[in-house]
N, C-alpha and C. Protein backbone atom coordinates (compact mmCIF):
# COMPACT_ATOMS: atom_id res chain seq x y z
N MET A 1 -22.19 155.70 -31.92
CA MET A 1 -21.09 154.99 -32.55
C MET A 1 -20.79 153.68 -31.82
N TYR A 2 -20.60 153.73 -30.51
CA TYR A 2 -20.31 152.52 -29.75
C TYR A 2 -21.61 151.90 -29.26
N GLN A 3 -21.86 150.66 -29.66
CA GLN A 3 -23.09 149.98 -29.29
C GLN A 3 -22.89 148.91 -28.22
N LYS A 4 -21.67 148.34 -28.17
CA LYS A 4 -21.35 147.30 -27.19
C LYS A 4 -19.98 147.61 -26.60
N ILE A 5 -19.97 147.84 -25.31
CA ILE A 5 -18.74 148.26 -24.63
C ILE A 5 -18.48 147.34 -23.45
N VAL A 6 -17.26 146.84 -23.37
CA VAL A 6 -16.84 146.03 -22.23
C VAL A 6 -16.10 146.93 -21.27
N ALA A 7 -16.56 146.99 -20.03
CA ALA A 7 -15.86 147.75 -18.98
C ALA A 7 -15.27 146.73 -18.01
N ALA A 8 -13.96 146.71 -17.94
CA ALA A 8 -13.25 145.78 -17.06
C ALA A 8 -12.96 146.47 -15.74
N LEU A 9 -13.53 145.94 -14.67
CA LEU A 9 -13.38 146.54 -13.35
C LEU A 9 -12.49 145.66 -12.48
N ASP A 10 -11.63 146.32 -11.69
CA ASP A 10 -10.71 145.57 -10.82
C ASP A 10 -10.97 145.80 -9.33
N PHE A 11 -12.06 146.50 -9.01
CA PHE A 11 -12.45 146.82 -7.65
C PHE A 11 -11.45 147.73 -6.93
N SER A 12 -10.65 148.44 -7.69
CA SER A 12 -9.76 149.43 -7.09
C SER A 12 -10.55 150.72 -6.91
N GLU A 13 -9.89 151.73 -6.38
CA GLU A 13 -10.55 153.04 -6.20
C GLU A 13 -10.87 153.70 -7.55
N ASN A 14 -10.38 153.12 -8.64
CA ASN A 14 -10.60 153.70 -9.96
C ASN A 14 -11.81 153.13 -10.69
N ASN A 15 -12.54 152.23 -10.04
CA ASN A 15 -13.73 151.65 -10.67
C ASN A 15 -14.69 152.73 -11.17
N GLU A 16 -14.93 153.74 -10.36
CA GLU A 16 -15.89 154.79 -10.74
C GLU A 16 -15.43 155.52 -12.00
N LYS A 17 -14.13 155.79 -12.11
CA LYS A 17 -13.61 156.47 -13.30
C LYS A 17 -13.78 155.60 -14.54
N VAL A 18 -13.47 154.32 -14.40
CA VAL A 18 -13.59 153.41 -15.54
C VAL A 18 -15.06 153.28 -15.96
N LEU A 19 -15.93 153.05 -14.99
CA LEU A 19 -17.35 152.92 -15.30
C LEU A 19 -17.92 154.23 -15.86
N GLY A 20 -17.51 155.35 -15.30
CA GLY A 20 -17.96 156.65 -15.81
C GLY A 20 -17.53 156.89 -17.24
N SER A 21 -16.31 156.53 -17.55
CA SER A 21 -15.82 156.69 -18.93
C SER A 21 -16.55 155.76 -19.89
N ALA A 22 -16.83 154.55 -19.44
CA ALA A 22 -17.59 153.61 -20.28
C ALA A 22 -18.99 154.14 -20.55
N LEU A 23 -19.61 154.69 -19.51
CA LEU A 23 -20.96 155.27 -19.69
C LEU A 23 -20.93 156.45 -20.66
N LYS A 24 -19.88 157.28 -20.60
CA LYS A 24 -19.76 158.40 -21.54
C LYS A 24 -19.68 157.88 -22.98
N LEU A 25 -18.87 156.81 -23.18
CA LEU A 25 -18.77 156.24 -24.52
C LEU A 25 -20.11 155.71 -25.01
N ALA A 26 -20.93 155.26 -24.06
CA ALA A 26 -22.24 154.69 -24.39
C ALA A 26 -23.34 155.75 -24.41
N ASN A 27 -22.96 157.02 -24.37
CA ASN A 27 -23.93 158.11 -24.30
C ASN A 27 -24.92 157.90 -23.15
N ASN A 28 -24.38 157.46 -22.01
CA ASN A 28 -25.16 157.21 -20.79
C ASN A 28 -26.24 156.15 -20.95
N ASP A 29 -26.07 155.27 -21.90
CA ASP A 29 -27.00 154.16 -22.11
C ASP A 29 -26.38 152.89 -21.51
N ALA A 30 -26.76 152.57 -20.26
CA ALA A 30 -26.18 151.43 -19.54
C ALA A 30 -26.45 150.10 -20.24
N SER A 31 -27.47 150.03 -21.07
CA SER A 31 -27.76 148.78 -21.76
C SER A 31 -26.69 148.40 -22.78
N LYS A 32 -25.82 149.36 -23.12
CA LYS A 32 -24.72 149.08 -24.05
C LYS A 32 -23.49 148.51 -23.35
N LEU A 33 -23.50 148.52 -22.01
CA LEU A 33 -22.32 148.10 -21.25
C LEU A 33 -22.36 146.63 -20.84
N HIS A 34 -21.20 146.03 -20.86
CA HIS A 34 -20.99 144.68 -20.34
C HIS A 34 -19.86 144.81 -19.33
N LEU A 35 -20.12 144.42 -18.10
CA LEU A 35 -19.10 144.50 -17.05
C LEU A 35 -18.40 143.16 -16.90
N ILE A 36 -17.11 143.22 -16.62
CA ILE A 36 -16.36 142.00 -16.37
C ILE A 36 -15.34 142.26 -15.27
N HIS A 37 -15.18 141.26 -14.42
CA HIS A 37 -14.11 141.25 -13.42
C HIS A 37 -13.45 139.88 -13.50
N ILE A 38 -12.14 139.88 -13.51
CA ILE A 38 -11.39 138.64 -13.60
C ILE A 38 -10.73 138.35 -12.26
N VAL A 39 -11.01 137.17 -11.73
CA VAL A 39 -10.33 136.69 -10.53
C VAL A 39 -9.14 135.88 -11.02
N GLN A 40 -7.97 136.29 -10.62
CA GLN A 40 -6.77 135.61 -11.07
C GLN A 40 -6.65 134.26 -10.38
N PRO A 41 -6.38 133.19 -11.13
CA PRO A 41 -6.24 131.86 -10.51
C PRO A 41 -5.07 131.86 -9.53
N ILE A 42 -5.31 131.35 -8.34
CA ILE A 42 -4.21 131.29 -7.37
C ILE A 42 -3.60 129.90 -7.30
N THR A 43 -4.16 128.96 -8.05
CA THR A 43 -3.62 127.60 -8.03
C THR A 43 -2.49 127.42 -9.03
N GLU A 44 -2.27 128.37 -9.90
CA GLU A 44 -1.22 128.25 -10.89
C GLU A 44 0.14 128.12 -10.21
N GLY A 45 0.91 127.19 -10.69
CA GLY A 45 2.26 127.02 -10.18
C GLY A 45 2.37 126.12 -8.96
N TYR A 46 1.27 125.59 -8.48
CA TYR A 46 1.32 124.69 -7.32
C TYR A 46 0.93 123.29 -7.75
N ALA A 47 1.89 122.42 -7.81
CA ALA A 47 1.65 121.06 -8.29
C ALA A 47 1.16 120.13 -7.18
N LEU A 48 1.46 120.44 -5.94
CA LEU A 48 1.08 119.55 -4.86
C LEU A 48 -0.41 119.64 -4.58
N LYS A 49 -1.06 118.49 -4.58
CA LYS A 49 -2.52 118.43 -4.41
C LYS A 49 -2.98 119.08 -3.11
N VAL A 50 -2.24 118.91 -2.04
CA VAL A 50 -2.66 119.47 -0.75
C VAL A 50 -2.75 120.99 -0.81
N TYR A 51 -1.84 121.60 -1.54
CA TYR A 51 -1.89 123.05 -1.69
C TYR A 51 -3.04 123.47 -2.61
N SER A 52 -3.16 122.80 -3.74
CA SER A 52 -4.17 123.21 -4.71
C SER A 52 -5.59 123.04 -4.17
N GLU A 53 -5.85 122.02 -3.35
CA GLU A 53 -7.18 121.86 -2.78
C GLU A 53 -7.52 123.04 -1.87
N ASN A 54 -6.55 123.47 -1.05
CA ASN A 54 -6.78 124.62 -0.19
C ASN A 54 -6.95 125.89 -1.01
N PHE A 55 -6.15 126.05 -2.04
CA PHE A 55 -6.25 127.24 -2.87
C PHE A 55 -7.55 127.26 -3.66
N LEU A 56 -8.04 126.11 -4.09
CA LEU A 56 -9.30 126.07 -4.82
C LEU A 56 -10.45 126.60 -3.97
N ALA A 57 -10.45 126.27 -2.69
CA ALA A 57 -11.50 126.77 -1.79
C ALA A 57 -11.41 128.29 -1.67
N ILE A 58 -10.20 128.81 -1.56
CA ILE A 58 -9.99 130.26 -1.47
C ILE A 58 -10.41 130.93 -2.77
N GLU A 59 -10.06 130.30 -3.89
CA GLU A 59 -10.42 130.84 -5.20
C GLU A 59 -11.94 130.88 -5.38
N GLU A 60 -12.63 129.83 -4.95
CA GLU A 60 -14.10 129.81 -5.02
C GLU A 60 -14.71 130.93 -4.18
N GLU A 61 -14.15 131.14 -3.00
CA GLU A 61 -14.64 132.21 -2.12
C GLU A 61 -14.41 133.58 -2.77
N ALA A 62 -13.25 133.75 -3.38
CA ALA A 62 -12.93 135.01 -4.05
C ALA A 62 -13.88 135.25 -5.23
N LEU A 63 -14.18 134.19 -5.98
CA LEU A 63 -15.09 134.29 -7.11
C LEU A 63 -16.50 134.68 -6.65
N GLU A 64 -16.96 134.04 -5.58
CA GLU A 64 -18.28 134.34 -5.05
C GLU A 64 -18.38 135.79 -4.57
N SER A 65 -17.37 136.23 -3.84
CA SER A 65 -17.35 137.60 -3.33
C SER A 65 -17.31 138.61 -4.47
N ALA A 66 -16.47 138.36 -5.47
CA ALA A 66 -16.35 139.26 -6.61
C ALA A 66 -17.65 139.31 -7.41
N THR A 67 -18.30 138.17 -7.55
CA THR A 67 -19.57 138.12 -8.28
C THR A 67 -20.61 138.99 -7.60
N GLU A 68 -20.69 138.90 -6.28
CA GLU A 68 -21.64 139.72 -5.52
C GLU A 68 -21.31 141.21 -5.65
N GLN A 69 -20.03 141.53 -5.54
CA GLN A 69 -19.61 142.93 -5.63
C GLN A 69 -19.91 143.52 -7.00
N LEU A 70 -19.64 142.75 -8.06
CA LEU A 70 -19.89 143.25 -9.41
C LEU A 70 -21.39 143.37 -9.67
N ALA A 71 -22.17 142.46 -9.13
CA ALA A 71 -23.63 142.53 -9.28
C ALA A 71 -24.19 143.81 -8.65
N LYS A 72 -23.65 144.20 -7.52
CA LYS A 72 -24.10 145.44 -6.86
C LYS A 72 -23.76 146.66 -7.71
N ILE A 73 -22.57 146.67 -8.27
CA ILE A 73 -22.16 147.79 -9.14
C ILE A 73 -23.10 147.86 -10.35
N ALA A 74 -23.37 146.71 -10.95
CA ALA A 74 -24.25 146.66 -12.12
C ALA A 74 -25.66 147.13 -11.79
N GLU A 75 -26.16 146.71 -10.65
CA GLU A 75 -27.51 147.10 -10.25
C GLU A 75 -27.60 148.61 -10.05
N THR A 76 -26.60 149.18 -9.40
CA THR A 76 -26.56 150.62 -9.16
C THR A 76 -26.51 151.39 -10.48
N ALA A 77 -25.79 150.85 -11.47
CA ALA A 77 -25.64 151.52 -12.76
C ALA A 77 -26.72 151.14 -13.77
N ASN A 78 -27.67 150.30 -13.34
CA ASN A 78 -28.76 149.83 -14.22
C ASN A 78 -28.26 149.03 -15.42
N ILE A 79 -27.22 148.25 -15.21
CA ILE A 79 -26.70 147.38 -16.26
C ILE A 79 -27.38 146.03 -16.12
N PRO A 80 -27.95 145.51 -17.20
CA PRO A 80 -28.65 144.22 -17.12
C PRO A 80 -27.76 143.10 -16.57
N SER A 81 -28.32 142.27 -15.71
CA SER A 81 -27.54 141.23 -15.04
C SER A 81 -26.95 140.22 -16.01
N ASP A 82 -27.57 140.03 -17.17
CA ASP A 82 -27.02 139.08 -18.14
C ASP A 82 -25.82 139.67 -18.90
N GLN A 83 -25.46 140.92 -18.58
CA GLN A 83 -24.31 141.57 -19.19
C GLN A 83 -23.20 141.80 -18.15
N VAL A 84 -23.18 140.93 -17.15
CA VAL A 84 -22.20 141.04 -16.06
C VAL A 84 -21.54 139.68 -15.88
N ARG A 85 -20.21 139.66 -15.89
CA ARG A 85 -19.48 138.39 -15.75
C ARG A 85 -18.31 138.52 -14.78
N THR A 86 -18.20 137.51 -13.96
CA THR A 86 -17.02 137.36 -13.11
C THR A 86 -16.44 136.00 -13.44
N ILE A 87 -15.16 135.99 -13.82
CA ILE A 87 -14.53 134.79 -14.34
C ILE A 87 -13.17 134.60 -13.68
N VAL A 88 -12.78 133.35 -13.48
CA VAL A 88 -11.43 133.04 -13.04
C VAL A 88 -10.62 132.78 -14.31
N GLY A 89 -9.49 133.47 -14.44
CA GLY A 89 -8.66 133.24 -15.62
C GLY A 89 -7.65 134.34 -15.84
N ASP A 90 -7.10 134.33 -17.03
CA ASP A 90 -6.13 135.33 -17.46
C ASP A 90 -6.87 136.62 -17.78
N LYS A 91 -6.46 137.71 -17.18
CA LYS A 91 -7.20 138.96 -17.29
C LYS A 91 -7.37 139.41 -18.74
N ALA A 92 -6.28 139.63 -19.43
CA ALA A 92 -6.36 140.13 -20.80
C ALA A 92 -7.08 139.13 -21.70
N GLY A 93 -6.79 137.86 -21.55
CA GLY A 93 -7.41 136.84 -22.39
C GLY A 93 -8.91 136.77 -22.22
N GLU A 94 -9.38 136.84 -20.98
CA GLU A 94 -10.82 136.76 -20.72
C GLU A 94 -11.56 138.02 -21.15
N ILE A 95 -10.93 139.17 -20.98
CA ILE A 95 -11.54 140.42 -21.44
C ILE A 95 -11.66 140.39 -22.96
N ARG A 96 -10.58 139.99 -23.62
CA ARG A 96 -10.57 139.90 -25.08
C ARG A 96 -11.61 138.89 -25.57
N LYS A 97 -11.72 137.75 -24.87
CA LYS A 97 -12.68 136.72 -25.25
C LYS A 97 -14.12 137.24 -25.18
N LEU A 98 -14.44 137.96 -24.10
CA LEU A 98 -15.78 138.53 -23.98
C LEU A 98 -16.04 139.55 -25.08
N ALA A 99 -15.06 140.40 -25.34
CA ALA A 99 -15.21 141.42 -26.39
C ALA A 99 -15.49 140.78 -27.74
N GLU A 100 -14.78 139.70 -28.05
CA GLU A 100 -15.00 139.02 -29.32
C GLU A 100 -16.36 138.32 -29.34
N GLU A 101 -16.72 137.70 -28.22
CA GLU A 101 -17.98 136.98 -28.12
C GLU A 101 -19.19 137.87 -28.36
N ILE A 102 -19.16 139.08 -27.83
CA ILE A 102 -20.31 139.99 -27.98
C ILE A 102 -20.13 140.95 -29.15
N ASP A 103 -19.01 140.83 -29.85
CA ASP A 103 -18.68 141.72 -30.96
C ASP A 103 -18.64 143.17 -30.49
N ALA A 104 -17.88 143.40 -29.40
CA ALA A 104 -17.77 144.72 -28.79
C ALA A 104 -17.09 145.72 -29.72
N ASP A 105 -17.51 146.97 -29.58
CA ASP A 105 -16.91 148.06 -30.31
C ASP A 105 -15.74 148.67 -29.55
N ALA A 106 -15.76 148.49 -28.21
CA ALA A 106 -14.72 149.11 -27.38
C ALA A 106 -14.58 148.36 -26.05
N ILE A 107 -13.39 148.47 -25.50
CA ILE A 107 -13.07 147.97 -24.17
C ILE A 107 -12.57 149.17 -23.36
N VAL A 108 -13.06 149.29 -22.13
CA VAL A 108 -12.59 150.37 -21.24
C VAL A 108 -11.94 149.69 -20.04
N ILE A 109 -10.72 150.12 -19.75
CA ILE A 109 -9.94 149.52 -18.65
C ILE A 109 -9.10 150.61 -18.01
N GLY A 110 -8.83 150.47 -16.73
CA GLY A 110 -7.94 151.41 -16.05
C GLY A 110 -6.52 151.23 -16.54
N SER A 111 -5.77 152.32 -16.55
CA SER A 111 -4.38 152.24 -17.00
C SER A 111 -3.54 151.41 -16.05
N HIS A 112 -3.93 151.41 -14.81
CA HIS A 112 -3.37 150.49 -13.82
C HIS A 112 -4.29 150.51 -12.63
N GLY A 113 -4.26 149.42 -11.94
CA GLY A 113 -5.06 149.29 -10.73
C GLY A 113 -4.22 148.52 -9.75
N PHE A 114 -4.82 148.02 -8.73
CA PHE A 114 -4.04 147.30 -7.75
C PHE A 114 -4.67 145.95 -7.50
N SER A 115 -3.82 144.98 -7.36
CA SER A 115 -4.24 143.62 -7.10
C SER A 115 -3.15 142.99 -6.25
N GLY A 116 -3.53 142.23 -5.27
CA GLY A 116 -2.52 141.64 -4.42
C GLY A 116 -1.78 142.74 -3.69
N LYS A 117 -0.47 142.75 -3.77
CA LYS A 117 0.32 143.76 -3.07
C LYS A 117 0.59 144.95 -3.99
N LYS A 118 -0.51 145.63 -4.36
CA LYS A 118 -0.44 146.83 -5.21
C LYS A 118 0.32 146.56 -6.51
N ARG A 119 0.06 145.43 -7.10
CA ARG A 119 0.68 145.05 -8.35
C ARG A 119 0.13 145.89 -9.49
N MET A 120 0.97 146.33 -10.34
CA MET A 120 0.55 147.14 -11.47
C MET A 120 -0.20 146.27 -12.49
N LEU A 121 -1.30 146.78 -13.00
CA LEU A 121 -2.05 146.06 -14.01
C LEU A 121 -1.78 146.62 -15.40
N GLY A 122 -0.75 147.40 -15.53
CA GLY A 122 -0.41 147.94 -16.84
C GLY A 122 -0.17 146.85 -17.86
N ALA A 123 0.28 145.69 -17.42
CA ALA A 123 0.52 144.57 -18.32
C ALA A 123 -0.78 144.10 -18.96
N THR A 124 -1.88 144.15 -18.22
CA THR A 124 -3.17 143.74 -18.77
C THR A 124 -3.57 144.67 -19.91
N ALA A 125 -3.50 145.96 -19.67
CA ALA A 125 -3.85 146.93 -20.72
C ALA A 125 -2.94 146.74 -21.93
N ASN A 126 -1.66 146.51 -21.69
CA ASN A 126 -0.70 146.32 -22.78
C ASN A 126 -1.05 145.07 -23.59
N LYS A 127 -1.38 143.97 -22.92
CA LYS A 127 -1.77 142.74 -23.62
C LYS A 127 -3.03 142.96 -24.46
N LEU A 128 -3.96 143.73 -23.92
CA LEU A 128 -5.18 144.02 -24.67
C LEU A 128 -4.87 144.80 -25.95
N LEU A 129 -3.97 145.76 -25.84
CA LEU A 129 -3.60 146.57 -27.00
C LEU A 129 -3.05 145.71 -28.14
N HIS A 130 -2.40 144.61 -27.78
CA HIS A 130 -1.76 143.77 -28.80
C HIS A 130 -2.59 142.58 -29.23
N GLY A 131 -3.86 142.55 -28.84
CA GLY A 131 -4.65 141.40 -29.26
C GLY A 131 -6.12 141.68 -29.49
N ALA A 132 -6.60 142.81 -29.05
CA ALA A 132 -8.02 143.11 -29.19
C ALA A 132 -8.33 143.55 -30.62
N LYS A 133 -9.56 143.27 -31.03
CA LYS A 133 -9.99 143.62 -32.38
C LYS A 133 -10.93 144.83 -32.38
N CYS A 134 -10.97 145.54 -31.24
CA CYS A 134 -11.84 146.71 -31.14
C CYS A 134 -11.04 147.84 -30.48
N ASP A 135 -11.66 149.00 -30.38
CA ASP A 135 -11.01 150.14 -29.74
C ASP A 135 -10.83 149.86 -28.25
N ILE A 136 -9.78 150.45 -27.69
CA ILE A 136 -9.52 150.30 -26.26
C ILE A 136 -9.30 151.69 -25.68
N LEU A 137 -10.04 151.98 -24.60
CA LEU A 137 -9.84 153.22 -23.87
C LEU A 137 -9.22 152.87 -22.54
N THR A 138 -8.03 153.40 -22.30
CA THR A 138 -7.40 153.22 -20.99
C THR A 138 -7.63 154.50 -20.20
N VAL A 139 -8.21 154.33 -19.04
CA VAL A 139 -8.56 155.45 -18.17
C VAL A 139 -7.42 155.65 -17.19
N HIS A 140 -6.92 156.88 -17.13
CA HIS A 140 -5.80 157.18 -16.24
C HIS A 140 -6.23 156.97 -14.81
N ALA A 141 -5.48 156.14 -14.09
CA ALA A 141 -5.81 155.81 -12.71
C ALA A 141 -5.34 156.92 -11.77
N THR A 142 -6.04 157.02 -10.66
CA THR A 142 -5.67 157.98 -9.62
C THR A 142 -4.39 157.51 -8.95
N GLU A 143 -3.47 158.41 -8.76
CA GLU A 143 -2.23 158.07 -8.06
C GLU A 143 -2.49 157.90 -6.58
N THR A 144 -1.84 156.91 -5.97
CA THR A 144 -1.99 156.70 -4.53
C THR A 144 -0.65 156.81 -3.84
């Protein structure tokens, strides 16, 4: 039934659950999966050039690190490298954009994860529910 599935990973302890659920939806066919990780822009809200230049360097480093980490996950799961994306941007918007671009049948995301100071990502899942054109599976996150 599901031929193209977007699995959104946040590098929390729940990555395995999200990826495992996505693989189940794909009948264990990793070629049906597209992985995405969104690095949140840290330059937003800073108008002073001196701050934004420093933040841009940090953001580039975060993007590079996340790209490497996601590539390792994809390699371990046998997901083709051309189906793996790490992007700086709005989480829900970028996930939705990828899903529309590949004409995904489903999106799999954790019900919440942690980012920064254990910030809840429930807002991302909620935004996806109100804008995606495909099925969405939210995987219950492990309590910490």
